Amino acid sequence: MSVISIIVDPAYQHHAVGQGILHELESRAQLAGYPAVSAIDSGDFFFNSGYVAGENFNLLSTMPVDIYSNLVKQLRDGSLYNKGGKIYYPDEYFGIDHS
């Protein structure tokens, strides 16, 4: 599992930069054999890119976020069928360094 943030400088927003980054991330995840990708977001960016509430697949997040901010996108049809569970975020996501 990898955790990244997609941030686009406001001067370049609405120029498909974020969409290009997201498309590349999804392509690489699919090539690596991941069944899906998840996101935490309360705006429309991921929703407009085909992400849906993780709740639709019985996937919950360990992050303290609104249930509709926990988003997921299947990378292959049916890849989350009967999967369910929790999405755990690594300590690095929270700035915890164990070195």
C-alpha atoms as a PDB file:
ATOM      1  CA  MET A   1       0.000   0.000   0.000  1.00  0.00           C
ATOM      2  CA  SER A   2       1.165   3.489  -0.795  1.00  0.00           C
ATOM      3  CA  VAL A   3      -0.231   6.758   0.461  1.00  0.00           C
ATOM      4  CA  ILE A   4       0.086   9.978  -1.524  1.00  0.00           C
ATOM      5  CA  SER A   5      -1.480  13.389  -1.611  1.00  0.00           C
ATOM      6  CA  ILE A   6      -2.518  15.005  -4.866  1.00  0.00           C
ATOM      7  CA  ILE A   7      -2.024  18.730  -4.601  1.00  0.00           C
ATOM      8  CA  VAL A   8      -2.063  21.097  -7.557  1.00  0.00           C
ATOM      9  CA  ASP A   9      -0.897  24.677  -7.280  1.00  0.00           C
ATOM     10  CA  PRO A  10      -3.958  26.941  -7.538  1.00  0.00           C
ATOM     11  CA  ALA A  11      -2.444  28.628 -10.602  1.00  0.00           C
ATOM     12  CA  TYR A  12      -2.668  25.280 -12.445  1.00  0.00           C
ATOM     13  CA  GLN A  13      -6.001  24.030 -11.148  1.00  0.00           C
ATOM     14  CA  HIS A  14      -8.758  23.511 -13.714  1.00  0.00           C
ATOM     15  CA  HIS A  15      -6.153  22.647 -16.375  1.00  0.00           C
ATOM     16  CA  ALA A  16      -6.471  18.827 -16.003  1.00  0.00           C
ATOM     17  CA  VAL A  17      -3.171  18.537 -14.106  1.00  0.00           C
ATOM     18  CA  GLY A  18      -4.793  16.720 -11.183  1.00  0.00           C
ATOM     19  CA  GLN A  19      -6.722  14.456 -13.556  1.00  0.00           C
ATOM     20  CA  GLY A  20      -3.466  13.529 -15.296  1.00  0.00           C
ATOM     21  CA  ILE A  21      -1.787  12.678 -11.990  1.00  0.00           C
ATOM     22  CA  LEU A  22      -4.795  10.635 -10.878  1.00  0.00           C
ATOM     23  CA  HIS A  23      -4.949   8.746 -14.181  1.00  0.00           C
ATOM     24  CA  GLU A  24      -1.248   7.863 -13.887  1.00  0.00           C
ATOM     25  CA  LEU A  25      -1.691   6.736 -10.269  1.00  0.00           C
ATOM     26  CA  GLU A  26      -4.631   4.505 -11.196  1.00  0.00           C
ATOM     27  CA  SER A  27      -2.769   3.030 -14.188  1.00  0.00           C
ATOM     28  CA  ARG A  28       0.272   2.175 -12.081  1.00  0.00           C
ATOM     29  CA  ALA A  29      -1.881   0.693  -9.308  1.00  0.00           C
ATOM     30  CA  GLN A  30      -3.709  -1.461 -11.848  1.00  0.00           C
ATOM     31  CA  LEU A  31      -0.421  -2.664 -13.398  1.00  0.00           C
ATOM     32  CA  ALA A  32       0.838  -3.511  -9.902  1.00  0.00           C
ATOM     33  CA  GLY A  33      -2.226  -5.706  -9.377  1.00  0.00           C
ATOM     34  CA  TYR A  34      -4.120  -3.609  -6.851  1.00  0.00           C
ATOM     35  CA  PRO A  35      -7.870  -4.258  -6.942  1.00  0.00           C
ATOM     36  CA  ALA A  36      -8.816  -0.667  -6.122  1.00  0.00           C
ATOM     37  CA  VAL A  37      -7.606   2.717  -4.945  1.00  0.00           C
ATOM     38  CA  SER A  38      -9.028   4.766  -2.121  1.00  0.00           C
ATOM     39  CA  ALA A  39      -9.163   8.454  -1.345  1.00  0.00           C
ATOM     40  CA  ILE A  40     -10.198  10.740   1.468  1.00  0.00           C
ATOM     41  CA  ASP A  41     -11.937  13.798   0.055  1.00  0.00           C
ATOM     42  CA  SER A  42     -15.075  15.809   0.668  1.00  0.00           C
ATOM     43  CA  GLY A  43     -15.085  17.699  -2.640  1.00  0.00           C
ATOM     44  CA  ASP A  44     -16.094  16.684  -6.146  1.00  0.00           C
ATOM     45  CA  PHE A  45     -12.649  15.899  -7.617  1.00  0.00           C
ATOM     46  CA  PHE A  46     -12.636  12.153  -6.901  1.00  0.00           C
ATOM     47  CA  PHE A  47     -16.399  11.769  -7.207  1.00  0.00           C
ATOM     48  CA  ASN A  48     -16.204  13.211 -10.734  1.00  0.00           C
ATOM     49  CA  SER A  49     -13.464  10.658 -11.499  1.00  0.00           C
ATOM     50  CA  GLY A  50     -15.636   7.636 -10.736  1.00  0.00           C
ATOM     51  CA  TYR A  51     -14.978   7.221  -7.016  1.00  0.00           C
ATOM     52  CA  VAL A  52     -17.850   6.178  -4.768  1.00  0.00           C
ATOM     53  CA  ALA A  53     -18.355   5.874  -1.031  1.00  0.00           C
ATOM     54  CA  GLY A  54     -16.384   2.943   0.379  1.00  0.00           C
ATOM     55  CA  GLU A  55     -19.547   2.042   2.245  1.00  0.00           C
ATOM     56  CA  ASN A  56     -20.908   0.741  -1.107  1.00  0.00           C
ATOM     57  CA  PHE A  57     -18.380  -2.106  -0.808  1.00  0.00           C
ATOM     58  CA  ASN A  58     -18.546  -2.426   2.983  1.00  0.00           C
ATOM     59  CA  LEU A  59     -15.124  -0.741   3.228  1.00  0.00           C
ATOM     60  CA  LEU A  60     -14.630   1.494   6.223  1.00  0.00           C
ATOM     61  CA  SER A  61     -11.736   3.843   6.939  1.00  0.00           C
ATOM     62  CA  THR A  62      -9.773   4.056  10.169  1.00  0.00           C
ATOM     63  CA  MET A  63      -9.509   7.796   9.501  1.00  0.00           C
ATOM     64  CA  PRO A  64     -11.948   9.953  11.472  1.00  0.00           C
ATOM     65  CA  VAL A  65     -13.779  11.268   8.393  1.00  0.00           C
ATOM     66  CA  ASP A  66     -17.367  11.567   7.264  1.00  0.00           C
ATOM     67  CA  ILE A  67     -18.570   8.286   5.781  1.00  0.00           C
ATOM     68  CA  TYR A  68     -19.055   9.968   2.378  1.00  0.00           C
ATOM     69  CA  SER A  69     -15.463  11.265   2.370  1.00  0.00           C
ATOM     70  CA  ASN A  70     -14.093   7.700   2.411  1.00  0.00           C
ATOM     71  CA  LEU A  71     -13.987   7.009  -1.323  1.00  0.00           C
ATOM     72  CA  VAL A  72     -12.922   4.027  -3.411  1.00  0.00           C
ATOM     73  CA  LYS A  73     -12.617   3.139  -7.091  1.00  0.00           C
ATOM     74  CA  GLN A  74     -12.405  -0.392  -8.426  1.00  0.00           C
ATOM     75  CA  LEU A  75      -9.637  -0.878 -10.952  1.00  0.00           C
ATOM     76  CA  ARG A  76     -11.335  -3.933 -12.469  1.00  0.00           C
ATOM     77  CA  ASP A  77     -15.048  -4.741 -12.541  1.00  0.00           C
ATOM     78  CA  GLY A  78     -15.950  -6.885  -9.544  1.00  0.00           C
ATOM     79  CA  SER A  79     -12.534  -6.536  -7.907  1.00  0.00           C
ATOM     80  CA  LEU A  80     -14.144  -5.581  -4.581  1.00  0.00           C
ATOM     81  CA  TYR A  81     -16.939  -8.144  -4.718  1.00  0.00           C
ATOM     82  CA  ASN A  82     -17.326  -9.692  -1.244  1.00  0.00           C
ATOM     83  CA  LYS A  83     -14.165  -7.991   0.069  1.00  0.00           C
ATOM     84  CA  GLY A  84     -15.324  -5.573   2.788  1.00  0.00           C
ATOM     85  CA  GLY A  85     -13.183  -4.540   5.733  1.00  0.00           C
ATOM     86  CA  LYS A  86     -11.177  -1.548   6.904  1.00  0.00           C
ATOM     87  CA  ILE A  87      -8.701   0.659   5.104  1.00  0.00           C
ATOM     88  CA  TYR A  88      -5.738   1.247   7.405  1.00  0.00           C
ATOM     89  CA  TYR A  89      -3.396   4.162   6.816  1.00  0.00           C
ATOM     90  CA  PRO A  90       0.307   3.733   7.662  1.00  0.00           C
ATOM     91  CA  ASP A  91       1.945   5.811  10.386  1.00  0.00           C
ATOM     92  CA  GLU A  92       3.852   7.786   7.744  1.00  0.00           C
ATOM     93  CA  TYR A  93       0.561   9.285   6.621  1.00  0.00           C
ATOM     94  CA  PHE A  94       0.271  10.902  10.030  1.00  0.00           C
ATOM     95  CA  GLY A  95       3.895  12.107  10.032  1.00  0.00           C
ATOM     96  CA  ILE A  96       5.128   9.344  12.377  1.00  0.00           C
ATOM     97  CA  ASP A  97       8.679   8.239  11.565  1.00  0.00           C
ATOM     98  CA  HIS A  98       9.891   4.942  13.057  1.00  0.00           C
ATOM     99  CA  SER A  99      13.536   5.234  11.938  1.00  0.00           C
END
